[in-house]
All heavy atoms as atom14 arrays in JSON, in Angstrom:
{
  "sequence": "KISQAQEQQYLAAGFPTPKPYTPSGGMAGQTGYLVDTAQKYVEAH",
  "atom14_mask": [
    [1, 1, 1, 1, 1, 1, 1, 1, 1, 0, 0, 0, 0, 0],
    [1, 1, 1, 1, 1, 1, 1, 1, 0, 0, 0, 0, 0, 0],
    [1, 1, 1, 1, 1, 1, 0, 0, 0, 0, 0, 0, 0, 0],
    [1, 1, 1, 1, 1, 1, 1, 1, 1, 0, 0, 0, 0, 0],
    [1, 1, 1, 1, 1, 0, 0, 0, 0, 0, 0, 0, 0, 0],
    [1, 1, 1, 1, 1, 1, 1, 1, 1, 0, 0, 0, 0, 0],
    [1, 1, 1, 1, 1, 1, 1, 1, 1, 0, 0, 0, 0, 0],
    [1, 1, 1, 1, 1, 1, 1, 1, 1, 0, 0, 0, 0, 0],
    [1, 1, 1, 1, 1, 1, 1, 1, 1, 0, 0, 0, 0, 0],
    [1, 1, 1, 1, 1, 1, 1, 1, 1, 1, 1, 1, 0, 0],
    [1, 1, 1, 1, 1, 1, 1, 1, 0, 0, 0, 0, 0, 0],
    [1, 1, 1, 1, 1, 0, 0, 0, 0, 0, 0, 0, 0, 0],
    [1, 1, 1, 1, 1, 0, 0, 0, 0, 0, 0, 0, 0, 0],
    [1, 1, 1, 1, 0, 0, 0, 0, 0, 0, 0, 0, 0, 0],
    [1, 1, 1, 1, 1, 1, 1, 1, 1, 1, 1, 0, 0, 0],
    [1, 1, 1, 1, 1, 1, 1, 0, 0, 0, 0, 0, 0, 0],
    [1, 1, 1, 1, 1, 1, 1, 0, 0, 0, 0, 0, 0, 0],
    [1, 1, 1, 1, 1, 1, 1, 0, 0, 0, 0, 0, 0, 0],
    [1, 1, 1, 1, 1, 1, 1, 1, 1, 0, 0, 0, 0, 0],
    [1, 1, 1, 1, 1, 1, 1, 0, 0, 0, 0, 0, 0, 0],
    [1, 1, 1, 1, 1, 1, 1, 1, 1, 1, 1, 1, 0, 0],
    [1, 1, 1, 1, 1, 1, 1, 0, 0, 0, 0, 0, 0, 0],
    [1, 1, 1, 1, 1, 1, 1, 0, 0, 0, 0, 0, 0, 0],
    [1, 1, 1, 1, 1, 1, 0, 0, 0, 0, 0, 0, 0, 0],
    [1, 1, 1, 1, 0, 0, 0, 0, 0, 0, 0, 0, 0, 0],
    [1, 1, 1, 1, 0, 0, 0, 0, 0, 0, 0, 0, 0, 0],
    [1, 1, 1, 1, 1, 1, 1, 1, 0, 0, 0, 0, 0, 0],
    [1, 1, 1, 1, 1, 0, 0, 0, 0, 0, 0, 0, 0, 0],
    [1, 1, 1, 1, 0, 0, 0, 0, 0, 0, 0, 0, 0, 0],
    [1, 1, 1, 1, 1, 1, 1, 1, 1, 0, 0, 0, 0, 0],
    [1, 1, 1, 1, 1, 1, 1, 0, 0, 0, 0, 0, 0, 0],
    [1, 1, 1, 1, 0, 0, 0, 0, 0, 0, 0, 0, 0, 0],
    [1, 1, 1, 1, 1, 1, 1, 1, 1, 1, 1, 1, 0, 0],
    [1, 1, 1, 1, 1, 1, 1, 1, 0, 0, 0, 0, 0, 0],
    [1, 1, 1, 1, 1, 1, 1, 0, 0, 0, 0, 0, 0, 0],
    [1, 1, 1, 1, 1, 1, 1, 1, 0, 0, 0, 0, 0, 0],
    [1, 1, 1, 1, 1, 1, 1, 0, 0, 0, 0, 0, 0, 0],
    [1, 1, 1, 1, 1, 0, 0, 0, 0, 0, 0, 0, 0, 0],
    [1, 1, 1, 1, 1, 1, 1, 1, 1, 0, 0, 0, 0, 0],
    [1, 1, 1, 1, 1, 1, 1, 1, 1, 0, 0, 0, 0, 0],
    [1, 1, 1, 1, 1, 1, 1, 1, 1, 1, 1, 1, 0, 0],
    [1, 1, 1, 1, 1, 1, 1, 0, 0, 0, 0, 0, 0, 0],
    [1, 1, 1, 1, 1, 1, 1, 1, 1, 0, 0, 0, 0, 0],
    [1, 1, 1, 1, 1, 0, 0, 0, 0, 0, 0, 0, 0, 0],
    [1, 1, 1, 1, 1, 1, 1, 1, 1, 1, 0, 0, 0, 0]
  ],
  "atom14_positions": [
    [[18.68, -3.88, 43.73], [17.56, -3.5, 42.72], [16.2, -3.9, 43.19], [15.24, -3.4, 42.75], [17.94, -4.15, 41.37], [19.12, -3.55, 40.66], [19.11, -2.06, 40.56], [20.39, -1.41, 40.04], [20.31, 0.0, 39.93], [0.0, 0.0, 0.0], [0.0, 0.0, 0.0], [0.0, 0.0, 0.0], [0.0, 0.0, 0.0], [0.0, 0.0, 0.0]],
    [[16.21, -4.94, 44.04], [15.02, -5.31, 44.8], [15.39, -5.44, 46.26], [16.62, -5.7, 46.52], [14.33, -6.5, 44.25], [15.2, -7.73, 44.3], [13.78, -6.29, 42.79], [14.58, -9.02, 43.94], [0.0, 0.0, 0.0], [0.0, 0.0, 0.0], [0.0, 0.0, 0.0], [0.0, 0.0, 0.0], [0.0, 0.0, 0.0], [0.0, 0.0, 0.0]],
    [[14.46, -5.26, 47.11], [14.76, -5.51, 48.59], [14.75, -7.02, 48.84], [14.22, -7.81, 48.1], [13.8, -4.75, 49.38], [12.49, -5.35, 49.21], [0.0, 0.0, 0.0], [0.0, 0.0, 0.0], [0.0, 0.0, 0.0], [0.0, 0.0, 0.0], [0.0, 0.0, 0.0], [0.0, 0.0, 0.0], [0.0, 0.0, 0.0], [0.0, 0.0, 0.0]],
    [[15.34, -7.28, 50.03], [15.29, -8.69, 50.49], [13.84, -9.18, 50.77], [13.49, -10.32, 50.43], [16.08, -8.84, 51.73], [17.49, -8.55, 51.65], [18.45, -9.63, 52.17], [18.07, -10.44, 53.0], [19.69, -9.56, 51.73], [0.0, 0.0, 0.0], [0.0, 0.0, 0.0], [0.0, 0.0, 0.0], [0.0, 0.0, 0.0], [0.0, 0.0, 0.0]],
    [[12.99, -8.17, 51.16], [11.47, -8.55, 51.34], [10.87, -8.86, 50.02], [10.14, -9.8, 49.95], [10.85, -7.4, 52.06], [0.0, 0.0, 0.0], [0.0, 0.0, 0.0], [0.0, 0.0, 0.0], [0.0, 0.0, 0.0], [0.0, 0.0, 0.0], [0.0, 0.0, 0.0], [0.0, 0.0, 0.0], [0.0, 0.0, 0.0], [0.0, 0.0, 0.0]],
    [[11.26, -8.1, 49.0], [10.67, -8.38, 47.61], [11.19, -9.67, 47.15], [10.45, -10.38, 46.48], [11.09, -7.22, 46.69], [10.33, -5.93, 46.96], [10.86, -4.81, 46.03], [12.03, -4.56, 45.86], [9.95, -4.08, 45.41], [0.0, 0.0, 0.0], [0.0, 0.0, 0.0], [0.0, 0.0, 0.0], [0.0, 0.0, 0.0], [0.0, 0.0, 0.0]],
    [[12.48, -9.98, 47.35], [12.96, -11.27, 46.95], [12.24, -12.41, 47.57], [11.86, -13.34, 46.86], [14.46, -11.29, 47.35], [15.08, -12.68, 46.96], [16.44, -12.96, 47.59], [16.95, -12.06, 48.27], [17.07, -14.0, 47.26], [0.0, 0.0, 0.0], [0.0, 0.0, 0.0], [0.0, 0.0, 0.0], [0.0, 0.0, 0.0], [0.0, 0.0, 0.0]],
    [[11.93, -12.29, 48.82], [11.19, -13.38, 49.5], [9.72, -13.48, 48.94], [9.16, -14.6, 48.86], [11.17, -13.07, 51.0], [12.45, -13.16, 51.69], [13.16, -14.6, 51.39], [12.46, -15.63, 51.52], [14.33, -14.57, 51.0], [0.0, 0.0, 0.0], [0.0, 0.0, 0.0], [0.0, 0.0, 0.0], [0.0, 0.0, 0.0], [0.0, 0.0, 0.0]],
    [[9.13, -12.27, 48.53], [7.82, -12.31, 47.95], [7.83, -13.08, 46.66], [6.98, -13.87, 46.33], [7.29, -10.89, 47.77], [6.91, -10.16, 49.01], [6.55, -8.76, 48.79], [6.58, -8.33, 47.64], [6.08, -8.04, 49.81], [0.0, 0.0, 0.0], [0.0, 0.0, 0.0], [0.0, 0.0, 0.0], [0.0, 0.0, 0.0], [0.0, 0.0, 0.0]],
    [[8.84, -12.8, 45.84], [8.96, -13.53, 44.53], [9.24, -15.0, 44.73], [8.55, -15.76, 44.02], [10.1, -12.92, 43.7], [9.86, -11.52, 43.21], [10.7, -10.51, 43.41], [8.75, -11.2, 42.51], [10.52, -9.2, 42.95], [8.49, -9.92, 42.02], [9.35, -8.96, 42.24], [9.12, -7.67, 41.8], [0.0, 0.0, 0.0], [0.0, 0.0, 0.0]],
    [[10.02, -15.32, 45.66], [10.22, -16.7, 45.96], [8.96, -17.46, 46.5], [8.67, -18.57, 46.06], [11.38, -16.84, 47.0], [12.75, -16.47, 46.48], [13.82, -16.49, 47.62], [13.23, -17.4, 45.29], [0.0, 0.0, 0.0], [0.0, 0.0, 0.0], [0.0, 0.0, 0.0], [0.0, 0.0, 0.0], [0.0, 0.0, 0.0], [0.0, 0.0, 0.0]],
    [[8.28, -16.71, 47.35], [7.0, -17.36, 47.91], [5.95, -17.47, 46.81], [5.11, -18.45, 46.86], [6.45, -16.44, 48.98], [0.0, 0.0, 0.0], [0.0, 0.0, 0.0], [0.0, 0.0, 0.0], [0.0, 0.0, 0.0], [0.0, 0.0, 0.0], [0.0, 0.0, 0.0], [0.0, 0.0, 0.0], [0.0, 0.0, 0.0], [0.0, 0.0, 0.0]],
    [[5.99, -16.64, 45.81], [5.02, -16.69, 44.72], [5.27, -17.97, 43.87], [4.31, -18.5, 43.12], [5.06, -15.44, 43.85], [0.0, 0.0, 0.0], [0.0, 0.0, 0.0], [0.0, 0.0, 0.0], [0.0, 0.0, 0.0], [0.0, 0.0, 0.0], [0.0, 0.0, 0.0], [0.0, 0.0, 0.0], [0.0, 0.0, 0.0], [0.0, 0.0, 0.0]],
    [[6.51, -18.45, 43.93], [6.82, -19.7, 43.19], [7.38, -19.4, 41.75], [7.27, -18.36, 41.25], [0.0, 0.0, 0.0], [0.0, 0.0, 0.0], [0.0, 0.0, 0.0], [0.0, 0.0, 0.0], [0.0, 0.0, 0.0], [0.0, 0.0, 0.0], [0.0, 0.0, 0.0], [0.0, 0.0, 0.0], [0.0, 0.0, 0.0], [0.0, 0.0, 0.0]],
    [[8.06, -20.45, 41.31], [8.7, -20.36, 40.06], [7.67, -20.19, 38.9], [6.67, -20.92, 38.79], [9.41, -21.72, 39.75], [10.09, -21.79, 38.46], [11.16, -20.92, 38.02], [9.66, -22.74, 37.51], [11.75, -21.09, 36.82], [10.23, -22.82, 36.23], [11.26, -21.96, 35.87], [0.0, 0.0, 0.0], [0.0, 0.0, 0.0], [0.0, 0.0, 0.0]],
    [[7.93, -19.16, 38.01], [6.97, -18.9, 36.95], [7.11, -19.92, 35.81], [7.81, -19.59, 34.81], [7.25, -17.4, 36.46], [8.75, -17.36, 36.83], [9.01, -18.16, 38.0], [0.0, 0.0, 0.0], [0.0, 0.0, 0.0], [0.0, 0.0, 0.0], [0.0, 0.0, 0.0], [0.0, 0.0, 0.0], [0.0, 0.0, 0.0], [0.0, 0.0, 0.0]],
    [[6.49, -21.06, 35.96], [6.71, -22.11, 34.92], [6.22, -21.58, 33.54], [5.15, -21.0, 33.36], [5.82, -23.3, 35.31], [6.24, -23.78, 36.61], [6.01, -24.47, 34.28], [0.0, 0.0, 0.0], [0.0, 0.0, 0.0], [0.0, 0.0, 0.0], [0.0, 0.0, 0.0], [0.0, 0.0, 0.0], [0.0, 0.0, 0.0], [0.0, 0.0, 0.0]],
    [[7.11, -21.82, 32.53], [6.71, -21.26, 31.16], [5.55, -22.0, 30.65], [5.23, -23.12, 31.11], [7.88, -21.52, 30.33], [8.9, -22.2, 31.18], [8.33, -22.36, 32.56], [0.0, 0.0, 0.0], [0.0, 0.0, 0.0], [0.0, 0.0, 0.0], [0.0, 0.0, 0.0], [0.0, 0.0, 0.0], [0.0, 0.0, 0.0], [0.0, 0.0, 0.0]],
    [[4.8, -21.41, 29.74], [3.66, -21.97, 29.02], [4.15, -23.2, 28.21], [5.29, -23.2, 27.74], [2.95, -20.98, 28.15], [2.42, -19.74, 28.87], [1.28, -20.04, 29.75], [0.69, -18.74, 30.3], [-0.5, -18.93, 31.19], [0.0, 0.0, 0.0], [0.0, 0.0, 0.0], [0.0, 0.0, 0.0], [0.0, 0.0, 0.0], [0.0, 0.0, 0.0]],
    [[3.29, -24.1, 27.91], [3.67, -25.23, 27.02], [4.21, -24.68, 25.56], [3.68, -23.64, 25.12], [2.36, -26.0, 26.85], [1.5, -25.63, 28.07], [1.88, -24.3, 28.39], [0.0, 0.0, 0.0], [0.0, 0.0, 0.0], [0.0, 0.0, 0.0], [0.0, 0.0, 0.0], [0.0, 0.0, 0.0], [0.0, 0.0, 0.0], [0.0, 0.0, 0.0]],
    [[5.13, -25.37, 25.1], [5.73, -25.0, 23.91], [4.92, -25.54, 22.67], [4.78, -26.74, 22.59], [7.13, -25.42, 23.8], [7.9, -25.08, 22.59], [7.68, -23.85, 21.85], [8.8, -25.95, 22.02], [8.35, -23.53, 20.66], [9.59, -25.63, 20.84], [9.29, -24.46, 20.2], [10.05, -24.12, 19.08], [0.0, 0.0, 0.0], [0.0, 0.0, 0.0]],
    [[4.5, -24.63, 21.81], [3.83, -25.0, 20.62], [4.61, -24.53, 19.44], [4.5, -23.31, 19.11], [2.39, -24.56, 20.53], [1.68, -24.92, 21.72], [1.63, -25.02, 19.29], [0.0, 0.0, 0.0], [0.0, 0.0, 0.0], [0.0, 0.0, 0.0], [0.0, 0.0, 0.0], [0.0, 0.0, 0.0], [0.0, 0.0, 0.0], [0.0, 0.0, 0.0]],
    [[5.35, -25.3, 18.69], [6.11, -24.79, 17.58], [5.19, -24.17, 16.5], [4.03, -24.65, 16.35], [6.81, -26.15, 16.99], [6.84, -27.05, 18.13], [5.55, -26.76, 18.91], [0.0, 0.0, 0.0], [0.0, 0.0, 0.0], [0.0, 0.0, 0.0], [0.0, 0.0, 0.0], [0.0, 0.0, 0.0], [0.0, 0.0, 0.0], [0.0, 0.0, 0.0]],
    [[5.69, -23.2, 15.87], [4.88, -22.54, 14.83], [4.44, -23.58, 13.78], [5.23, -24.36, 13.28], [5.69, -21.4, 14.15], [5.02, -20.86, 13.14], [0.0, 0.0, 0.0], [0.0, 0.0, 0.0], [0.0, 0.0, 0.0], [0.0, 0.0, 0.0], [0.0, 0.0, 0.0], [0.0, 0.0, 0.0], [0.0, 0.0, 0.0], [0.0, 0.0, 0.0]],
    [[3.17, -23.42, 13.4], [2.6, -24.3, 12.4], [2.79, -23.77, 10.99], [2.28, -24.39, 10.06], [0.0, 0.0, 0.0], [0.0, 0.0, 0.0], [0.0, 0.0, 0.0], [0.0, 0.0, 0.0], [0.0, 0.0, 0.0], [0.0, 0.0, 0.0], [0.0, 0.0, 0.0], [0.0, 0.0, 0.0], [0.0, 0.0, 0.0], [0.0, 0.0, 0.0]],
    [[3.49, -22.73, 10.79], [3.72, -22.09, 9.52], [2.45, -21.56, 8.94], [1.64, -21.04, 9.62], [0.0, 0.0, 0.0], [0.0, 0.0, 0.0], [0.0, 0.0, 0.0], [0.0, 0.0, 0.0], [0.0, 0.0, 0.0], [0.0, 0.0, 0.0], [0.0, 0.0, 0.0], [0.0, 0.0, 0.0], [0.0, 0.0, 0.0], [0.0, 0.0, 0.0]],
    [[2.31, -21.81, 7.62], [1.17, -21.19, 6.89], [0.1, -22.25, 6.49], [-0.6, -22.16, 5.55], [1.67, -20.41, 5.66], [2.55, -19.26, 6.01], [1.64, -17.95, 6.81], [2.76, -17.49, 8.06], [0.0, 0.0, 0.0], [0.0, 0.0, 0.0], [0.0, 0.0, 0.0], [0.0, 0.0, 0.0], [0.0, 0.0, 0.0], [0.0, 0.0, 0.0]],
    [[0.08, -23.32, 7.25], [-0.86, -24.38, 6.87], [-2.25, -24.16, 7.17], [-2.6, -23.06, 7.96], [-0.45, -25.77, 7.59], [0.0, 0.0, 0.0], [0.0, 0.0, 0.0], [0.0, 0.0, 0.0], [0.0, 0.0, 0.0], [0.0, 0.0, 0.0], [0.0, 0.0, 0.0], [0.0, 0.0, 0.0], [0.0, 0.0, 0.0], [0.0, 0.0, 0.0]],
    [[-3.26, -24.88, 6.65], [-4.64, -24.61, 6.9], [-5.05, -23.25, 6.5], [-4.67, -22.77, 5.5], [0.0, 0.0, 0.0], [0.0, 0.0, 0.0], [0.0, 0.0, 0.0], [0.0, 0.0, 0.0], [0.0, 0.0, 0.0], [0.0, 0.0, 0.0], [0.0, 0.0, 0.0], [0.0, 0.0, 0.0], [0.0, 0.0, 0.0], [0.0, 0.0, 0.0]],
    [[-5.86, -22.57, 7.35], [-6.35, -21.2, 6.96], [-5.38, -20.13, 7.22], [-5.59, -19.03, 6.74], [-7.63, -20.99, 7.72], [-8.78, -21.97, 7.45], [-9.01, -21.99, 5.95], [-9.4, -21.04, 5.27], [-8.91, -23.22, 5.38], [0.0, 0.0, 0.0], [0.0, 0.0, 0.0], [0.0, 0.0, 0.0], [0.0, 0.0, 0.0], [0.0, 0.0, 0.0]],
    [[-4.3, -20.49, 7.94], [-3.31, -19.39, 8.32], [-2.79, -18.66, 7.16], [-2.68, -17.41, 7.23], [-2.16, -20.08, 9.18], [-2.71, -20.74, 10.28], [-1.21, -19.01, 9.65], [0.0, 0.0, 0.0], [0.0, 0.0, 0.0], [0.0, 0.0, 0.0], [0.0, 0.0, 0.0], [0.0, 0.0, 0.0], [0.0, 0.0, 0.0], [0.0, 0.0, 0.0]],
    [[-2.42, -19.39, 6.12], [-1.88, -18.68, 4.93], [-2.81, -17.65, 4.39], [-2.42, -16.53, 3.94], [0.0, 0.0, 0.0], [0.0, 0.0, 0.0], [0.0, 0.0, 0.0], [0.0, 0.0, 0.0], [0.0, 0.0, 0.0], [0.0, 0.0, 0.0], [0.0, 0.0, 0.0], [0.0, 0.0, 0.0], [0.0, 0.0, 0.0], [0.0, 0.0, 0.0]],
    [[-4.05, -18.03, 4.24], [-5.08, -17.13, 3.73], [-5.29, -15.88, 4.62], [-5.46, -14.73, 4.15], [-6.39, -17.81, 3.51], [-6.28, -19.08, 2.67], [-6.7, -20.3, 3.19], [-5.73, -19.03, 1.41], [-6.58, -21.51, 2.48], [-5.65, -20.22, 0.67], [-6.05, -21.45, 1.19], [-6.02, -22.56, 0.41], [0.0, 0.0, 0.0], [0.0, 0.0, 0.0]],
    [[-5.25, -16.15, 5.94], [-5.51, -15.02, 6.88], [-4.34, -14.1, 6.82], [-4.5, -12.83, 6.73], [-5.55, -15.61, 8.31], [-6.83, -16.55, 8.55], [-6.7, -17.14, 9.99], [-8.14, -15.81, 8.42], [0.0, 0.0, 0.0], [0.0, 0.0, 0.0], [0.0, 0.0, 0.0], [0.0, 0.0, 0.0], [0.0, 0.0, 0.0], [0.0, 0.0, 0.0]],
    [[-3.08, -14.61, 6.77], [-1.97, -13.77, 6.74], [-1.88, -12.95, 5.42], [-1.56, -11.79, 5.41], [-0.67, -14.58, 6.97], [0.55, -13.78, 6.58], [-0.57, -15.11, 8.4], [0.0, 0.0, 0.0], [0.0, 0.0, 0.0], [0.0, 0.0, 0.0], [0.0, 0.0, 0.0], [0.0, 0.0, 0.0], [0.0, 0.0, 0.0], [0.0, 0.0, 0.0]],
    [[-2.16, -13.69, 4.3], [-2.19, -12.97, 3.02], [-3.21, -11.91, 2.98], [-2.94, -10.79, 2.4], [-2.4, -14.07, 2.0], [-2.15, -13.49, 0.53], [-1.03, -12.9, 0.34], [-3.01, -13.62, -0.31], [0.0, 0.0, 0.0], [0.0, 0.0, 0.0], [0.0, 0.0, 0.0], [0.0, 0.0, 0.0], [0.0, 0.0, 0.0], [0.0, 0.0, 0.0]],
    [[-4.42, -12.19, 3.5], [-5.45, -11.12, 3.5], [-5.02, -9.9, 4.3], [-5.16, -8.74, 3.9], [-6.75, -11.64, 4.05], [-7.22, -12.81, 3.22], [-7.89, -10.66, 4.04], [0.0, 0.0, 0.0], [0.0, 0.0, 0.0], [0.0, 0.0, 0.0], [0.0, 0.0, 0.0], [0.0, 0.0, 0.0], [0.0, 0.0, 0.0], [0.0, 0.0, 0.0]],
    [[-4.46, -10.17, 5.47], [-4.0, -9.11, 6.32], [-2.84, -8.34, 5.7], [-2.78, -7.07, 5.79], [-3.6, -9.6, 7.69], [0.0, 0.0, 0.0], [0.0, 0.0, 0.0], [0.0, 0.0, 0.0], [0.0, 0.0, 0.0], [0.0, 0.0, 0.0], [0.0, 0.0, 0.0], [0.0, 0.0, 0.0], [0.0, 0.0, 0.0], [0.0, 0.0, 0.0]],
    [[-1.92, -9.0, 5.06], [-0.8, -8.38, 4.45], [-1.21, -7.45, 3.31], [-0.75, -6.33, 3.13], [0.19, -9.42, 3.9], [1.46, -8.75, 3.3], [2.46, -9.79, 2.94], [2.62, -10.81, 3.51], [3.31, -9.46, 1.94], [0.0, 0.0, 0.0], [0.0, 0.0, 0.0], [0.0, 0.0, 0.0], [0.0, 0.0, 0.0], [0.0, 0.0, 0.0]],
    [[-2.17, -7.94, 2.48], [-2.69, -7.11, 1.42], [-3.36, -5.88, 1.94], [-3.27, -4.76, 1.35], [-3.64, -7.9, 0.49], [-3.01, -8.92, -0.36], [-3.98, -9.64, -1.28], [-5.0, -10.31, -0.55], [-5.97, -10.99, -1.51], [0.0, 0.0, 0.0], [0.0, 0.0, 0.0], [0.0, 0.0, 0.0], [0.0, 0.0, 0.0], [0.0, 0.0, 0.0]],
    [[-4.07, -6.0, 3.06], [-4.73, -4.85, 3.67], [-3.77, -3.88, 4.12], [-3.91, -2.62, 3.97], [-5.67, -5.4, 4.81], [-6.5, -4.29, 5.38], [-7.81, -4.04, 4.78], [-6.14, -3.4, 6.37], [-8.66, -3.0, 5.32], [-6.91, -2.4, 6.89], [-8.18, -2.21, 6.33], [-8.98, -1.16, 6.8], [0.0, 0.0, 0.0], [0.0, 0.0, 0.0]],
    [[-2.63, -4.31, 4.81], [-1.62, -3.47, 5.24], [-1.0, -2.67, 4.09], [-0.82, -1.46, 4.15], [-0.51, -4.2, 5.93], [0.7, -3.31, 6.29], [-1.07, -4.72, 7.34], [0.0, 0.0, 0.0], [0.0, 0.0, 0.0], [0.0, 0.0, 0.0], [0.0, 0.0, 0.0], [0.0, 0.0, 0.0], [0.0, 0.0, 0.0], [0.0, 0.0, 0.0]],
    [[-0.73, -3.32, 3.03], [-0.17, -2.64, 1.86], [-1.09, -1.63, 1.23], [-0.69, -0.54, 0.76], [0.28, -3.71, 0.83], [1.39, -4.61, 1.22], [1.76, -5.75, 0.18], [1.3, -5.5, -0.97], [2.42, -6.7, 0.51], [0.0, 0.0, 0.0], [0.0, 0.0, 0.0], [0.0, 0.0, 0.0], [0.0, 0.0, 0.0], [0.0, 0.0, 0.0]],
    [[-2.38, -1.9, 1.24], [-3.3, -1.08, 0.57], [-3.64, 0.2, 1.48], [-4.12, 1.16, 0.95], [-4.66, -1.83, 0.35], [0.0, 0.0, 0.0], [0.0, 0.0, 0.0], [0.0, 0.0, 0.0], [0.0, 0.0, 0.0], [0.0, 0.0, 0.0], [0.0, 0.0, 0.0], [0.0, 0.0, 0.0], [0.0, 0.0, 0.0], [0.0, 0.0, 0.0]],
    [[-3.34, 0.09, 2.78], [-3.66, 1.18, 3.7], [-2.56, 1.84, 4.35], [-2.65, 2.49, 5.4], [-4.67, 0.7, 4.82], [-6.02, 0.26, 4.21], [-6.28, -0.88, 3.54], [-7.17, 0.96, 4.13], [-7.48, -0.97, 3.22], [-8.11, 0.21, 3.56], [0.0, 0.0, 0.0], [0.0, 0.0, 0.0], [0.0, 0.0, 0.0], [0.0, 0.0, 0.0]]
  ]
}
């Protein structure tokens, strides 16, 4: 599915380290108001 040359290119590029994990903050702070405003807009349109 890939050539051996492509495999070597991927290996040379290095391991794609994942981004830091940030658990979802839920609806705290302004998030709840932003989501609610957007949801109402979706329903209205």
